[in-house]
Amino acid sequence: MMRSVTTAAAAGLAAMLAFGPPASAADIRVLSTNALKTSLEALMPQFEKATEHKVVFVWGPAANLKTQIEKGEAFDATILTTAGIDDLVKQGKLDGATRTPLARSGIGVAVRKGASRPDISTTEAFKRALLSANSVTYVEQGASGIYLKDLFVRLGIADALKPKLKLAPTAAAEFVASGEAEIGMTQISEILPVAGADLVGPLPADIQNYTDFATAAGTSAKQSDAARSLIRFLATPDAARVMKAKGLEPSN
């Protein structure tokens, strides 16, 4: 399945570049949220082969990367939450003309591969699963973690969960896979690629939260033309199909 999807993406990229190769190859420095990591890793070989550009990624939680940009981090393009992108456009850090919606991701629940899967079919079942678990994890500064902290307060279980919390440094699914925590919550797109973790399912619909992601070029980008070429590629239907295969949904 993935081979046919990535092949289609390569064909779409070839069509996009039908007017000829770039005048010169460039190193494109991209600050990107972890939520799109596996999608971008699947897409970049085709882009790099067709354009001769090289894409150098700096991965991290969207909130942390946004702070780095605000502090003057050098970059050519960034992929963050849509809210983060819009705020940086207002600050003059990003070129609003290049702002491009990419995808959205819902929050999922993960357990270690082969472990018993708790019932999370309803909000009450989800609450029972967390309260029954020995340990629970999420990334505190990640887009999902910020939402979950407020959700636990609204559900009335924040205090009960405090002794169980083992905050993951970067990847909640990997934290679960290593046995550091029994249940983890993060973007579904960050659970699927982790071999040692199983996706139990998405949060119940009435408490689900979708995070929209977008991209834009930096106003001080050294490789602005190359960055724009990358953004155009990421906006193609073929690239969207790869993202869907990796657990992302079309952005609204």
Protein backbone atom coordinates (compact mmCIF):
# COMPACT_ATOMS: atom_id res chain seq x y z
CA MET A 1 0.00 0.00 0.00
CA MET A 2 2.66 2.49 1.05
CA ARG A 3 4.77 1.70 -2.03
CA SER A 4 1.90 2.58 -4.36
CA VAL A 5 1.13 5.73 -2.37
CA THR A 6 4.71 6.98 -2.38
CA THR A 7 5.03 6.11 -6.06
CA ALA A 8 1.98 8.25 -6.75
CA ALA A 9 3.55 11.05 -4.75
CA ALA A 10 6.68 10.77 -6.84
CA ALA A 11 4.62 10.98 -10.02
CA GLY A 12 2.80 14.03 -8.70
CA LEU A 13 6.09 15.68 -7.85
CA ALA A 14 7.46 14.95 -11.31
CA ALA A 15 4.42 16.63 -12.83
CA MET A 16 4.83 19.62 -10.54
CA LEU A 17 8.42 20.03 -11.71
CA ALA A 18 7.69 19.44 -15.37
CA PHE A 19 9.04 22.85 -16.34
CA GLY A 20 12.56 21.77 -15.45
CA PRO A 21 14.90 21.24 -12.50
CA PRO A 22 15.87 24.05 -10.14
CA ALA A 23 18.69 26.38 -11.13
CA SER A 24 20.74 25.19 -8.16
CA ALA A 25 20.37 22.67 -5.38
CA ALA A 26 19.93 23.95 -1.83
CA ASP A 27 19.84 22.73 1.76
CA ILE A 28 16.39 23.53 3.14
CA ARG A 29 16.26 23.78 6.92
CA VAL A 30 12.80 22.85 8.21
CA LEU A 31 11.55 23.02 11.80
CA SER A 32 8.75 20.45 12.00
CA THR A 33 6.35 19.11 14.58
CA ASN A 34 6.74 15.42 15.41
CA ALA A 35 3.14 14.80 14.29
CA LEU A 36 4.17 14.80 10.62
CA LYS A 37 7.55 13.07 11.05
CA THR A 38 6.73 9.72 9.46
CA SER A 39 4.82 11.35 6.59
CA LEU A 40 7.69 13.68 5.77
CA GLU A 41 10.28 10.92 6.06
CA ALA A 42 8.29 8.93 3.50
CA LEU A 43 7.90 11.89 1.13
CA MET A 44 11.34 13.48 1.19
CA PRO A 45 13.30 10.92 -0.88
CA GLN A 46 11.10 11.65 -3.90
CA PHE A 47 11.30 15.40 -3.40
CA GLU A 48 15.06 15.37 -2.96
CA LYS A 49 15.62 13.13 -5.97
CA ALA A 50 13.49 15.28 -8.27
CA THR A 51 14.78 18.67 -7.12
CA GLU A 52 18.33 17.86 -5.97
CA HIS A 53 17.53 19.88 -2.86
CA LYS A 54 18.34 18.37 0.53
CA VAL A 55 15.87 18.82 3.37
CA VAL A 56 17.35 19.03 6.87
CA PHE A 57 14.74 18.59 9.59
CA VAL A 58 14.71 19.71 13.21
CA TRP A 59 11.95 17.75 14.97
CA GLY A 60 10.14 18.63 18.18
CA PRO A 61 6.84 19.57 19.83
CA ALA A 62 5.18 22.42 17.94
CA ALA A 63 5.15 24.74 20.96
CA ASN A 64 8.89 24.32 21.52
CA LEU A 65 9.71 24.96 17.86
CA LYS A 66 7.53 28.06 17.84
CA THR A 67 9.50 29.39 20.80
CA GLN A 68 12.77 28.69 18.98
CA ILE A 69 11.55 30.70 15.99
CA GLU A 70 10.50 33.59 18.22
CA LYS A 71 14.00 33.58 19.72
CA GLY A 72 15.62 33.88 16.30
CA GLU A 73 16.32 30.30 15.24
CA ALA A 74 17.51 30.12 11.61
CA PHE A 75 15.21 28.16 9.26
CA ASP A 76 13.76 28.21 5.78
CA ALA A 77 10.32 26.66 6.39
CA THR A 78 8.37 25.35 9.33
CA ILE A 79 5.49 22.93 9.95
CA LEU A 80 3.55 23.68 13.13
CA THR A 81 0.01 23.83 14.43
CA THR A 82 -2.10 26.18 12.32
CA ALA A 83 -2.55 28.45 15.33
CA GLY A 84 1.22 28.63 15.77
CA ILE A 85 1.75 29.40 12.10
CA ASP A 86 -0.85 32.16 12.14
CA ASP A 87 0.66 33.76 15.23
CA LEU A 88 4.14 33.75 13.68
CA VAL A 89 2.74 35.32 10.50
CA LYS A 90 1.32 38.12 12.66
CA GLN A 91 4.72 38.52 14.30
CA GLY A 92 6.37 38.88 10.90
CA LYS A 93 8.41 35.70 11.36
CA LEU A 94 6.65 33.82 8.56
CA ASP A 95 5.62 34.81 5.04
CA GLY A 96 1.82 34.80 5.05
CA ALA A 97 1.72 34.36 1.28
CA THR A 98 3.23 30.89 1.70
CA ARG A 99 0.90 29.76 4.51
CA THR A 100 -0.49 26.39 3.45
CA PRO A 101 -2.81 24.03 5.39
CA LEU A 102 -1.56 20.44 5.40
CA ALA A 103 -3.47 18.00 7.62
CA ARG A 104 -5.05 17.41 10.98
CA SER A 105 -4.60 14.72 13.61
CA GLY A 106 -6.77 13.39 16.40
CA ILE A 107 -5.54 12.12 19.76
CA GLY A 108 -5.19 8.39 20.25
CA VAL A 109 -4.54 6.03 23.16
CA ALA A 110 -1.60 3.63 23.07
CA VAL A 111 -0.50 0.60 25.07
CA ARG A 112 2.58 -1.58 24.82
CA LYS A 113 2.38 -4.05 21.93
CA GLY A 114 0.55 -7.20 22.97
CA ALA A 115 -0.79 -5.70 26.21
CA SER A 116 -4.47 -5.86 27.10
CA ARG A 117 -6.39 -3.04 25.44
CA PRO A 118 -8.62 -1.06 27.80
CA ASP A 119 -12.15 -0.06 26.88
CA ILE A 120 -12.15 3.59 25.76
CA SER A 121 -15.38 3.44 23.76
CA THR A 122 -17.07 6.11 25.87
CA THR A 123 -15.88 9.01 27.99
CA GLU A 124 -16.78 7.15 31.19
CA ALA A 125 -14.89 4.06 29.98
CA PHE A 126 -11.90 6.24 29.08
CA LYS A 127 -11.91 7.74 32.59
CA ARG A 128 -12.07 4.26 34.17
CA ALA A 129 -9.18 3.08 31.99
CA LEU A 130 -6.95 5.94 33.12
CA LEU A 131 -7.91 5.61 36.78
CA SER A 132 -7.26 1.85 36.67
CA ALA A 133 -3.87 2.14 35.01
CA ASN A 134 -0.66 1.99 37.03
CA SER A 135 0.92 4.79 34.99
CA VAL A 136 -0.13 7.29 32.32
CA THR A 137 1.97 9.39 29.96
CA TYR A 138 1.79 12.21 27.43
CA VAL A 139 4.15 14.96 26.24
CA GLU A 140 3.40 17.97 28.39
CA GLN A 141 4.39 20.64 25.83
CA GLY A 142 2.96 18.81 22.82
CA ALA A 143 -0.27 19.98 21.19
CA SER A 144 -2.14 16.95 22.56
CA GLY A 145 -0.58 17.28 26.01
CA ILE A 146 -1.72 20.86 26.41
CA TYR A 147 -5.27 19.79 25.58
CA LEU A 148 -5.17 16.70 27.82
CA LYS A 149 -4.13 18.67 30.90
CA ASP A 150 -7.28 20.77 30.60
CA LEU A 151 -9.40 17.73 29.70
CA PHE A 152 -8.42 15.89 32.88
CA VAL A 153 -9.51 18.90 34.92
CA ARG A 154 -12.85 19.04 33.10
CA LEU A 155 -13.38 15.31 33.65
CA GLY A 156 -12.63 15.69 37.35
CA ILE A 157 -9.73 13.21 37.37
CA ALA A 158 -6.69 15.53 37.36
CA ASP A 159 -5.87 15.06 41.05
CA ALA A 160 -6.34 11.29 40.92
CA LEU A 161 -3.99 11.03 37.92
CA LYS A 162 -1.15 13.07 39.43
CA PRO A 163 0.53 10.10 41.19
CA LYS A 164 0.27 8.04 37.99
CA LEU A 165 1.70 10.58 35.56
CA LYS A 166 5.07 9.90 33.97
CA LEU A 167 5.54 12.69 31.46
CA ALA A 168 7.32 11.62 28.28
CA PRO A 169 10.25 13.80 27.16
CA THR A 170 9.44 13.71 23.43
CA ALA A 171 7.42 10.68 22.26
CA ALA A 172 4.63 9.23 24.39
CA ALA A 173 4.18 6.12 22.21
CA GLU A 174 7.87 5.23 22.53
CA PHE A 175 7.61 5.76 26.28
CA VAL A 176 4.80 3.20 26.35
CA ALA A 177 6.66 0.82 24.04
CA SER A 178 9.66 0.81 26.38
CA GLY A 179 7.48 -0.07 29.36
CA GLU A 180 7.93 3.29 31.08
CA ALA A 181 4.16 3.82 31.21
CA GLU A 182 1.10 1.59 30.84
CA ILE A 183 -1.09 3.98 28.83
CA GLY A 184 -0.01 6.83 26.58
CA MET A 185 -1.89 9.53 24.72
CA THR A 186 -0.63 11.48 21.74
CA GLN A 187 -1.41 12.24 18.10
CA ILE A 188 -2.53 9.08 16.28
CA SER A 189 0.08 9.81 13.61
CA GLU A 190 2.76 9.52 16.31
CA ILE A 191 1.49 6.13 17.57
CA LEU A 192 1.15 4.20 14.31
CA PRO A 193 4.87 4.13 13.37
CA VAL A 194 6.07 2.88 16.77
CA ALA A 195 6.62 -0.87 16.41
CA GLY A 196 6.42 -1.56 20.14
CA ALA A 197 3.10 0.22 20.69
CA ASP A 198 -0.48 -0.63 19.77
CA LEU A 199 -3.12 1.96 18.97
CA VAL A 200 -6.12 1.21 21.19
CA GLY A 201 -8.17 3.78 19.33
CA PRO A 202 -9.03 7.48 19.18
CA LEU A 203 -10.46 9.39 22.12
CA PRO A 204 -14.26 9.16 22.34
CA ALA A 205 -15.89 11.55 19.87
CA ASP A 206 -17.34 13.86 22.52
CA ILE A 207 -13.89 14.62 23.99
CA GLN A 208 -11.76 14.24 20.87
CA ASN A 209 -9.56 17.14 19.88
CA TYR A 210 -8.15 17.67 16.41
CA THR A 211 -4.99 19.62 15.85
CA ASP A 212 -4.60 21.28 12.47
CA PHE A 213 -1.14 21.62 10.97
CA ALA A 214 0.13 24.06 8.37
CA THR A 215 3.40 25.16 6.82
CA ALA A 216 4.99 28.45 5.75
CA ALA A 217 8.36 29.83 4.74
CA GLY A 218 10.34 32.11 7.01
CA THR A 219 10.50 35.78 6.13
CA SER A 220 14.29 35.58 6.60
CA ALA A 221 14.73 32.27 4.79
CA LYS A 222 18.08 31.91 3.05
CA GLN A 223 16.59 29.36 0.63
CA SER A 224 13.19 30.93 0.03
CA ASP A 225 12.70 29.61 -3.51
CA ALA A 226 13.58 26.06 -2.47
CA ALA A 227 11.33 26.35 0.58
CA ARG A 228 8.43 27.45 -1.61
CA SER A 229 9.06 24.46 -3.88
CA LEU A 230 8.84 22.14 -0.88
CA ILE A 231 5.63 23.79 0.33
CA ARG A 232 4.03 23.39 -3.12
CA PHE A 233 4.90 19.70 -3.07
CA LEU A 234 3.46 19.16 0.40
CA ALA A 235 0.18 20.70 -0.79
CA THR A 236 -0.30 18.20 -3.65
CA PRO A 237 -3.05 15.56 -3.48
CA ASP A 238 -0.39 12.84 -3.77
CA ALA A 239 1.39 14.13 -0.66
CA ALA A 240 -1.97 14.24 1.12
CA ARG A 241 -2.49 10.54 0.33
CA VAL A 242 0.81 9.68 2.01
CA MET A 243 -0.20 11.70 5.07
CA LYS A 244 -3.53 9.88 5.23
CA ALA A 245 -1.75 6.52 5.14
CA LYS A 246 0.29 7.70 8.13
CA GLY A 247 -2.74 8.47 10.28
CA LEU A 248 -3.45 12.09 9.35
CA GLU A 249 -6.69 13.52 7.99
CA PRO A 250 -7.28 16.31 5.44
CA SER A 251 -7.21 19.71 7.08
CA ASN A 252 -10.53 21.57 7.18
